[in-house]
Amino acid sequence: MQNVTVVRAVDLRWQASPSPSVWRKRLFHEGPPESGTVTSLVRFDPGSTFPRHGHPDGEEVLVLEGVYSDEGGSFPAGTYLLRPEGFEHAPFSVAGCLLLVRLRQYAGPDREHVVIDTQAASRVTLAPGVRRQLLYDSARYADSKWLIELERGAALSRSDLPEGAEIFVVQGSLEDTESEYPCHTWLRLASGNAPPLRAITECVLYVSTAAQRRSSRAA
């Protein structure tokens, strides 16, 4: 596919984090080692704890497996969290968990604190075999977050993502005319024409977009 960056988590080794029982695979990283913009697959071993820390530009978490906990509660698989700029916590996991984590990508102290049970949230049908669930959208900021479900054989057209997007394959696998994208693949798509993404199996995709209609932040 043209104008696409692809990182397959299966090709990466688990790397140590500042906690000896928490591991990560960095799918995207820009900036200082422990304070840059980053998107990671993160694994908490059973009984893991992580030192209390802050999030200067916010944190986004999608719980993929297990139960993730902090002072705000315990969040099972399927929970989506967006914590605004300045949030602090000391996360842990009693039984272990697997997370998609995005850090320092949500500047703005007036963002809402979002917690969604994606298993129960409503979905909108975009096309045959394609459903979309809103995770985050605000008139004050350019980014929107979605989960998109594809039935086997259904396709996500690039016309549905005219400004490009970041995509993480939560479940299932995808393909286009050039390659396959298995579970836990991260893709960054540039704007422009390209072949559609087609579901090899039933798929769930995390999608982050920045719509042109909100490219300027409201005062």
C-alpha atoms as a PDB file:
ATOM      1  CA  MET A   1       0.000   0.000   0.000  1.00  0.00           C
ATOM      2  CA  GLN A   2       1.308   3.474  -0.830  1.00  0.00           C
ATOM      3  CA  ASN A   3       1.865   6.104   1.858  1.00  0.00           C
ATOM      4  CA  VAL A   4       1.629   3.709   4.788  1.00  0.00           C
ATOM      5  CA  THR A   5       3.872   2.878   7.748  1.00  0.00           C
ATOM      6  CA  VAL A   6       3.446  -0.632   9.134  1.00  0.00           C
ATOM      7  CA  VAL A   7       4.734  -2.150  12.397  1.00  0.00           C
ATOM      8  CA  ARG A   8       3.741  -5.713  13.278  1.00  0.00           C
ATOM      9  CA  ALA A   9       3.956  -6.355  17.010  1.00  0.00           C
ATOM     10  CA  VAL A  10       4.664 -10.031  16.331  1.00  0.00           C
ATOM     11  CA  ASP A  11       8.019  -8.969  14.852  1.00  0.00           C
ATOM     12  CA  LEU A  12       9.089  -7.075  17.997  1.00  0.00           C
ATOM     13  CA  ARG A  13      10.580  -8.349  21.253  1.00  0.00           C
ATOM     14  CA  TRP A  14       9.192  -7.369  24.620  1.00  0.00           C
ATOM     15  CA  GLN A  15      11.323  -4.653  26.195  1.00  0.00           C
ATOM     16  CA  ALA A  16      11.646  -3.728  29.863  1.00  0.00           C
ATOM     17  CA  SER A  17       9.817  -0.696  31.230  1.00  0.00           C
ATOM     18  CA  PRO A  18      10.706   1.286  34.386  1.00  0.00           C
ATOM     19  CA  SER A  19       8.811  -1.421  36.310  1.00  0.00           C
ATOM     20  CA  PRO A  20      10.434  -4.900  36.337  1.00  0.00           C
ATOM     21  CA  SER A  21       7.075  -6.650  35.832  1.00  0.00           C
ATOM     22  CA  VAL A  22       5.691  -4.430  33.051  1.00  0.00           C
ATOM     23  CA  TRP A  23       6.817  -4.943  29.455  1.00  0.00           C
ATOM     24  CA  ARG A  24       6.289  -3.050  26.224  1.00  0.00           C
ATOM     25  CA  LYS A  25       6.580  -3.205  22.466  1.00  0.00           C
ATOM     26  CA  ARG A  26       6.877   0.298  21.082  1.00  0.00           C
ATOM     27  CA  LEU A  27       4.954   0.551  17.826  1.00  0.00           C
ATOM     28  CA  PHE A  28       5.679   4.255  17.413  1.00  0.00           C
ATOM     29  CA  HIS A  29       8.020   6.522  19.376  1.00  0.00           C
ATOM     30  CA  GLU A  30       9.263  10.060  18.869  1.00  0.00           C
ATOM     31  CA  GLY A  31      11.265  12.095  21.377  1.00  0.00           C
ATOM     32  CA  PRO A  32      13.157  11.327  24.637  1.00  0.00           C
ATOM     33  CA  PRO A  33      13.260   7.667  25.757  1.00  0.00           C
ATOM     34  CA  GLU A  34      10.833   7.984  28.680  1.00  0.00           C
ATOM     35  CA  SER A  35       8.999  11.204  27.868  1.00  0.00           C
ATOM     36  CA  GLY A  36       8.301  11.217  24.132  1.00  0.00           C
ATOM     37  CA  THR A  37       5.201  10.641  22.054  1.00  0.00           C
ATOM     38  CA  VAL A  38       4.618   6.898  22.003  1.00  0.00           C
ATOM     39  CA  THR A  39       2.159   4.182  21.031  1.00  0.00           C
ATOM     40  CA  SER A  40       2.876   0.824  22.660  1.00  0.00           C
ATOM     41  CA  LEU A  41       1.577  -2.646  23.298  1.00  0.00           C
ATOM     42  CA  VAL A  42       2.018  -3.013  27.085  1.00  0.00           C
ATOM     43  CA  ARG A  43       1.927  -6.215  29.154  1.00  0.00           C
ATOM     44  CA  PHE A  44       1.458  -6.301  32.926  1.00  0.00           C
ATOM     45  CA  ASP A  45       2.526  -9.601  34.491  1.00  0.00           C
ATOM     46  CA  PRO A  46       0.269 -10.955  37.273  1.00  0.00           C
ATOM     47  CA  GLY A  47       0.819  -8.936  40.429  1.00  0.00           C
ATOM     48  CA  SER A  48       2.443  -6.050  38.527  1.00  0.00           C
ATOM     49  CA  THR A  49       2.647  -2.524  39.865  1.00  0.00           C
ATOM     50  CA  PHE A  50       3.923   0.652  38.242  1.00  0.00           C
ATOM     51  CA  PRO A  51       5.262   3.659  40.190  1.00  0.00           C
ATOM     52  CA  ARG A  52       2.985   6.663  40.512  1.00  0.00           C
ATOM     53  CA  HIS A  53       3.509   9.027  37.585  1.00  0.00           C
ATOM     54  CA  GLY A  54       1.854  11.868  35.708  1.00  0.00           C
ATOM     55  CA  HIS A  55       0.758  12.337  32.094  1.00  0.00           C
ATOM     56  CA  PRO A  56       1.707  15.848  30.943  1.00  0.00           C
ATOM     57  CA  ASP A  57      -0.047  15.473  27.573  1.00  0.00           C
ATOM     58  CA  GLY A  58      -2.597  12.831  28.472  1.00  0.00           C
ATOM     59  CA  GLU A  59      -2.929   9.072  28.178  1.00  0.00           C
ATOM     60  CA  GLU A  60      -5.160   6.763  26.160  1.00  0.00           C
ATOM     61  CA  VAL A  61      -5.620   3.072  27.023  1.00  0.00           C
ATOM     62  CA  LEU A  62      -7.573   0.263  25.377  1.00  0.00           C
ATOM     63  CA  VAL A  63      -7.644  -2.882  27.534  1.00  0.00           C
ATOM     64  CA  LEU A  64      -7.108  -5.848  25.196  1.00  0.00           C
ATOM     65  CA  GLU A  65      -6.877  -8.708  27.721  1.00  0.00           C
ATOM     66  CA  GLY A  66      -7.195  -9.153  31.487  1.00  0.00           C
ATOM     67  CA  VAL A  67      -8.021  -6.429  34.022  1.00  0.00           C
ATOM     68  CA  TYR A  68      -6.139  -3.140  34.372  1.00  0.00           C
ATOM     69  CA  SER A  69      -6.450  -1.172  37.621  1.00  0.00           C
ATOM     70  CA  ASP A  70      -5.517   2.092  39.301  1.00  0.00           C
ATOM     71  CA  GLU A  71      -6.976   4.408  41.941  1.00  0.00           C
ATOM     72  CA  GLY A  72      -9.975   5.024  39.690  1.00  0.00           C
ATOM     73  CA  GLY A  73     -11.097   1.380  39.605  1.00  0.00           C
ATOM     74  CA  SER A  74     -10.570  -1.883  37.762  1.00  0.00           C
ATOM     75  CA  PHE A  75     -11.113  -2.000  34.013  1.00  0.00           C
ATOM     76  CA  PRO A  76     -11.686  -5.312  32.196  1.00  0.00           C
ATOM     77  CA  ALA A  77     -10.926  -6.199  28.587  1.00  0.00           C
ATOM     78  CA  GLY A  78     -12.885  -3.961  26.236  1.00  0.00           C
ATOM     79  CA  THR A  79     -12.557  -0.836  28.377  1.00  0.00           C
ATOM     80  CA  TYR A  80     -11.450   2.380  26.673  1.00  0.00           C
ATOM     81  CA  LEU A  81      -9.869   5.157  28.755  1.00  0.00           C
ATOM     82  CA  LEU A  82      -8.779   8.664  27.834  1.00  0.00           C
ATOM     83  CA  ARG A  83      -7.159  10.580  30.672  1.00  0.00           C
ATOM     84  CA  PRO A  84      -6.574  14.314  30.100  1.00  0.00           C
ATOM     85  CA  GLU A  85      -3.411  16.343  30.483  1.00  0.00           C
ATOM     86  CA  GLY A  86      -2.139  16.384  34.073  1.00  0.00           C
ATOM     87  CA  PHE A  87      -3.642  13.024  35.093  1.00  0.00           C
ATOM     88  CA  GLU A  88      -1.633  11.030  37.683  1.00  0.00           C
ATOM     89  CA  HIS A  89      -1.960   7.429  38.844  1.00  0.00           C
ATOM     90  CA  ALA A  90      -0.165   4.291  40.030  1.00  0.00           C
ATOM     91  CA  PRO A  91      -1.504   1.472  37.799  1.00  0.00           C
ATOM     92  CA  PHE A  92      -1.381  -2.232  38.622  1.00  0.00           C
ATOM     93  CA  SER A  93      -2.851  -5.569  37.589  1.00  0.00           C
ATOM     94  CA  VAL A  94      -3.697  -8.416  39.940  1.00  0.00           C
ATOM     95  CA  ALA A  95      -4.084 -11.136  37.299  1.00  0.00           C
ATOM     96  CA  GLY A  96      -2.161  -9.485  34.453  1.00  0.00           C
ATOM     97  CA  CYS A  97      -3.344  -7.607  31.382  1.00  0.00           C
ATOM     98  CA  LEU A  98      -2.476  -6.533  27.845  1.00  0.00           C
ATOM     99  CA  LEU A  99      -3.030  -2.928  26.749  1.00  0.00           C
ATOM    100  CA  LEU A 100      -2.780  -0.579  23.803  1.00  0.00           C
ATOM    101  CA  VAL A 101      -1.316   2.617  25.309  1.00  0.00           C
ATOM    102  CA  ARG A 102      -0.838   6.014  23.634  1.00  0.00           C
ATOM    103  CA  LEU A 103       1.024   8.730  25.546  1.00  0.00           C
ATOM    104  CA  ARG A 104       1.640  12.474  25.106  1.00  0.00           C
ATOM    105  CA  GLN A 105      -0.825  12.782  22.243  1.00  0.00           C
ATOM    106  CA  TYR A 106      -3.695  14.569  24.018  1.00  0.00           C
ATOM    107  CA  ALA A 107      -2.569  18.036  25.071  1.00  0.00           C
ATOM    108  CA  GLY A 108      -5.362  20.172  26.477  1.00  0.00           C
ATOM    109  CA  PRO A 109      -6.380  20.418  30.149  1.00  0.00           C
ATOM    110  CA  ASP A 110     -10.074  20.838  29.268  1.00  0.00           C
ATOM    111  CA  ARG A 111     -10.424  17.426  27.620  1.00  0.00           C
ATOM    112  CA  GLU A 112     -12.998  15.126  29.169  1.00  0.00           C
ATOM    113  CA  HIS A 113     -12.005  12.119  31.265  1.00  0.00           C
ATOM    114  CA  VAL A 114     -13.463   9.244  29.223  1.00  0.00           C
ATOM    115  CA  VAL A 115     -14.264   5.688  30.356  1.00  0.00           C
ATOM    116  CA  ILE A 116     -16.237   3.462  27.941  1.00  0.00           C
ATOM    117  CA  ASP A 117     -17.276  -0.181  28.109  1.00  0.00           C
ATOM    118  CA  THR A 118     -16.926  -0.909  24.400  1.00  0.00           C
ATOM    119  CA  GLN A 119     -18.690  -4.248  24.775  1.00  0.00           C
ATOM    120  CA  ALA A 120     -21.924  -2.443  25.689  1.00  0.00           C
ATOM    121  CA  ALA A 121     -21.599   0.794  23.673  1.00  0.00           C
ATOM    122  CA  SER A 122     -23.739   1.376  20.576  1.00  0.00           C
ATOM    123  CA  ARG A 123     -22.510   0.979  17.005  1.00  0.00           C
ATOM    124  CA  VAL A 124     -23.458   2.616  13.690  1.00  0.00           C
ATOM    125  CA  THR A 125     -23.529   0.696  10.399  1.00  0.00           C
ATOM    126  CA  LEU A 126     -21.388   2.397   7.738  1.00  0.00           C
ATOM    127  CA  ALA A 127     -21.724  -0.206   4.986  1.00  0.00           C
ATOM    128  CA  PRO A 128     -22.610  -3.899   4.696  1.00  0.00           C
ATOM    129  CA  GLY A 129     -20.431  -5.715   7.227  1.00  0.00           C
ATOM    130  CA  VAL A 130     -18.870  -2.496   8.586  1.00  0.00           C
ATOM    131  CA  ARG A 131     -19.853  -0.969  11.948  1.00  0.00           C
ATOM    132  CA  ARG A 132     -18.331   1.954  13.814  1.00  0.00           C
ATOM    133  CA  GLN A 133     -18.315   2.845  17.506  1.00  0.00           C
ATOM    134  CA  LEU A 134     -17.359   6.327  18.680  1.00  0.00           C
ATOM    135  CA  LEU A 135     -14.782   6.503  21.471  1.00  0.00           C
ATOM    136  CA  TYR A 136     -13.869  10.195  21.500  1.00  0.00           C
ATOM    137  CA  ASP A 137     -14.787  13.296  19.526  1.00  0.00           C
ATOM    138  CA  SER A 138     -14.721  16.971  20.521  1.00  0.00           C
ATOM    139  CA  ALA A 139     -15.353  20.204  18.636  1.00  0.00           C
ATOM    140  CA  ARG A 140     -12.386  21.740  20.494  1.00  0.00           C
ATOM    141  CA  TYR A 141      -9.790  19.264  19.199  1.00  0.00           C
ATOM    142  CA  ALA A 142      -8.822  17.776  15.853  1.00  0.00           C
ATOM    143  CA  ASP A 143      -8.595  14.101  16.816  1.00  0.00           C
ATOM    144  CA  SER A 144     -11.369  11.505  16.842  1.00  0.00           C
ATOM    145  CA  LYS A 145     -11.146   7.902  18.098  1.00  0.00           C
ATOM    146  CA  TRP A 146     -13.225   4.968  16.901  1.00  0.00           C
ATOM    147  CA  LEU A 147     -13.556   1.204  16.972  1.00  0.00           C
ATOM    148  CA  ILE A 148     -14.481  -0.249  13.583  1.00  0.00           C
ATOM    149  CA  GLU A 149     -15.785  -3.801  13.250  1.00  0.00           C
ATOM    150  CA  LEU A 150     -15.474  -5.652   9.937  1.00  0.00           C
ATOM    151  CA  GLU A 151     -17.186  -8.904   9.095  1.00  0.00           C
ATOM    152  CA  ARG A 152     -15.099 -11.436   7.194  1.00  0.00           C
ATOM    153  CA  GLY A 153     -14.637 -10.183   3.620  1.00  0.00           C
ATOM    154  CA  ALA A 154     -15.894  -6.675   4.371  1.00  0.00           C
ATOM    155  CA  ALA A 155     -13.716  -3.743   3.324  1.00  0.00           C
ATOM    156  CA  LEU A 156     -12.846  -0.398   4.823  1.00  0.00           C
ATOM    157  CA  SER A 157     -12.503   2.088   1.991  1.00  0.00           C
ATOM    158  CA  ARG A 158      -9.840   4.765   2.119  1.00  0.00           C
ATOM    159  CA  SER A 159     -12.642   7.194   1.225  1.00  0.00           C
ATOM    160  CA  ASP A 160     -13.881   6.593   4.799  1.00  0.00           C
ATOM    161  CA  LEU A 161     -10.528   8.020   6.023  1.00  0.00           C
ATOM    162  CA  PRO A 162      -9.903  10.998   3.708  1.00  0.00           C
ATOM    163  CA  GLU A 163      -7.391  12.705   6.018  1.00  0.00           C
ATOM    164  CA  GLY A 164      -5.490   9.514   6.800  1.00  0.00           C
ATOM    165  CA  ALA A 165      -5.473   7.648  10.106  1.00  0.00           C
ATOM    166  CA  GLU A 166      -3.610   5.550  12.619  1.00  0.00           C
ATOM    167  CA  ILE A 167      -5.000   2.011  12.850  1.00  0.00           C
ATOM    168  CA  PHE A 168      -4.300  -0.778  15.337  1.00  0.00           C
ATOM    169  CA  VAL A 169      -5.649  -4.266  14.639  1.00  0.00           C
ATOM    170  CA  VAL A 170      -7.304  -5.232  17.928  1.00  0.00           C
ATOM    171  CA  GLN A 171      -8.680  -8.557  16.683  1.00  0.00           C
ATOM    172  CA  GLY A 172      -8.494 -10.538  13.458  1.00  0.00           C
ATOM    173  CA  SER A 173      -6.386  -9.781  10.395  1.00  0.00           C
ATOM    174  CA  LEU A 174      -6.530  -7.529   7.343  1.00  0.00           C
ATOM    175  CA  GLU A 175      -5.127  -7.452   3.845  1.00  0.00           C
ATOM    176  CA  ASP A 176      -4.818  -5.175   0.859  1.00  0.00           C
ATOM    177  CA  THR A 177      -3.382  -5.792  -2.600  1.00  0.00           C
ATOM    178  CA  GLU A 178       0.175  -5.759  -1.274  1.00  0.00           C
ATOM    179  CA  SER A 179       0.312  -7.324   2.175  1.00  0.00           C
ATOM    180  CA  GLU A 180      -1.413  -8.860   5.193  1.00  0.00           C
ATOM    181  CA  TYR A 181      -1.771  -7.171   8.577  1.00  0.00           C
ATOM    182  CA  PRO A 182      -2.215  -9.638  11.444  1.00  0.00           C
ATOM    183  CA  CYS A 183      -3.610  -9.000  14.906  1.00  0.00           C
ATOM    184  CA  HIS A 184      -1.715  -6.247  16.794  1.00  0.00           C
ATOM    185  CA  THR A 185      -0.373  -4.574  13.662  1.00  0.00           C
ATOM    186  CA  TRP A 186      -0.051  -0.767  13.792  1.00  0.00           C
ATOM    187  CA  LEU A 187      -0.548   1.217  10.589  1.00  0.00           C
ATOM    188  CA  ARG A 188      -0.229   4.921   9.825  1.00  0.00           C
ATOM    189  CA  LEU A 189      -2.071   5.808   6.621  1.00  0.00           C
ATOM    190  CA  ALA A 190      -1.375   9.057   4.789  1.00  0.00           C
ATOM    191  CA  SER A 191      -4.201  10.880   3.040  1.00  0.00           C
ATOM    192  CA  GLY A 192      -4.806   9.982  -0.580  1.00  0.00           C
ATOM    193  CA  ASN A 193      -6.008   7.117  -2.711  1.00  0.00           C
ATOM    194  CA  ALA A 194      -5.048   3.526  -1.895  1.00  0.00           C
ATOM    195  CA  PRO A 195      -6.603   0.068  -2.054  1.00  0.00           C
ATOM    196  CA  PRO A 196      -9.212  -0.709   0.619  1.00  0.00           C
ATOM    197  CA  LEU A 197      -8.386  -2.735   3.705  1.00  0.00           C
ATOM    198  CA  ARG A 198     -10.252  -6.046   3.582  1.00  0.00           C
ATOM    199  CA  ALA A 199     -10.965  -8.335   6.534  1.00  0.00           C
ATOM    200  CA  ILE A 200      -9.457 -11.817   6.186  1.00  0.00           C
ATOM    201  CA  THR A 201     -11.315 -12.790   9.361  1.00  0.00           C
ATOM    202  CA  GLU A 202     -13.750 -10.873  11.524  1.00  0.00           C
ATOM    203  CA  CYS A 203     -11.832  -7.787  12.654  1.00  0.00           C
ATOM    204  CA  VAL A 204     -11.909  -5.060  15.254  1.00  0.00           C
ATOM    205  CA  LEU A 205      -9.814  -1.978  14.514  1.00  0.00           C
ATOM    206  CA  TYR A 206      -8.872   0.959  16.696  1.00  0.00           C
ATOM    207  CA  VAL A 207      -8.808   4.052  14.460  1.00  0.00           C
ATOM    208  CA  SER A 208      -7.524   7.546  15.291  1.00  0.00           C
ATOM    209  CA  THR A 209      -8.215  10.335  12.803  1.00  0.00           C
ATOM    210  CA  ALA A 210      -7.676  14.090  12.653  1.00  0.00           C
ATOM    211  CA  ALA A 211     -10.566  15.596  10.676  1.00  0.00           C
ATOM    212  CA  GLN A 212      -9.894  18.704   8.569  1.00  0.00           C
ATOM    213  CA  ARG A 213     -13.147  20.247   9.684  1.00  0.00           C
ATOM    214  CA  ARG A 214     -11.622  20.638  13.161  1.00  0.00           C
ATOM    215  CA  SER A 215      -8.013  21.294  12.205  1.00  0.00           C
ATOM    216  CA  SER A 216      -8.063  24.580  14.142  1.00  0.00           C
ATOM    217  CA  ARG A 217      -8.772  24.362  17.851  1.00  0.00           C
ATOM    218  CA  ALA A 218     -11.632  26.456  19.075  1.00  0.00           C
ATOM    219  CA  ALA A 219     -10.809  29.251  21.497  1.00  0.00           C
END
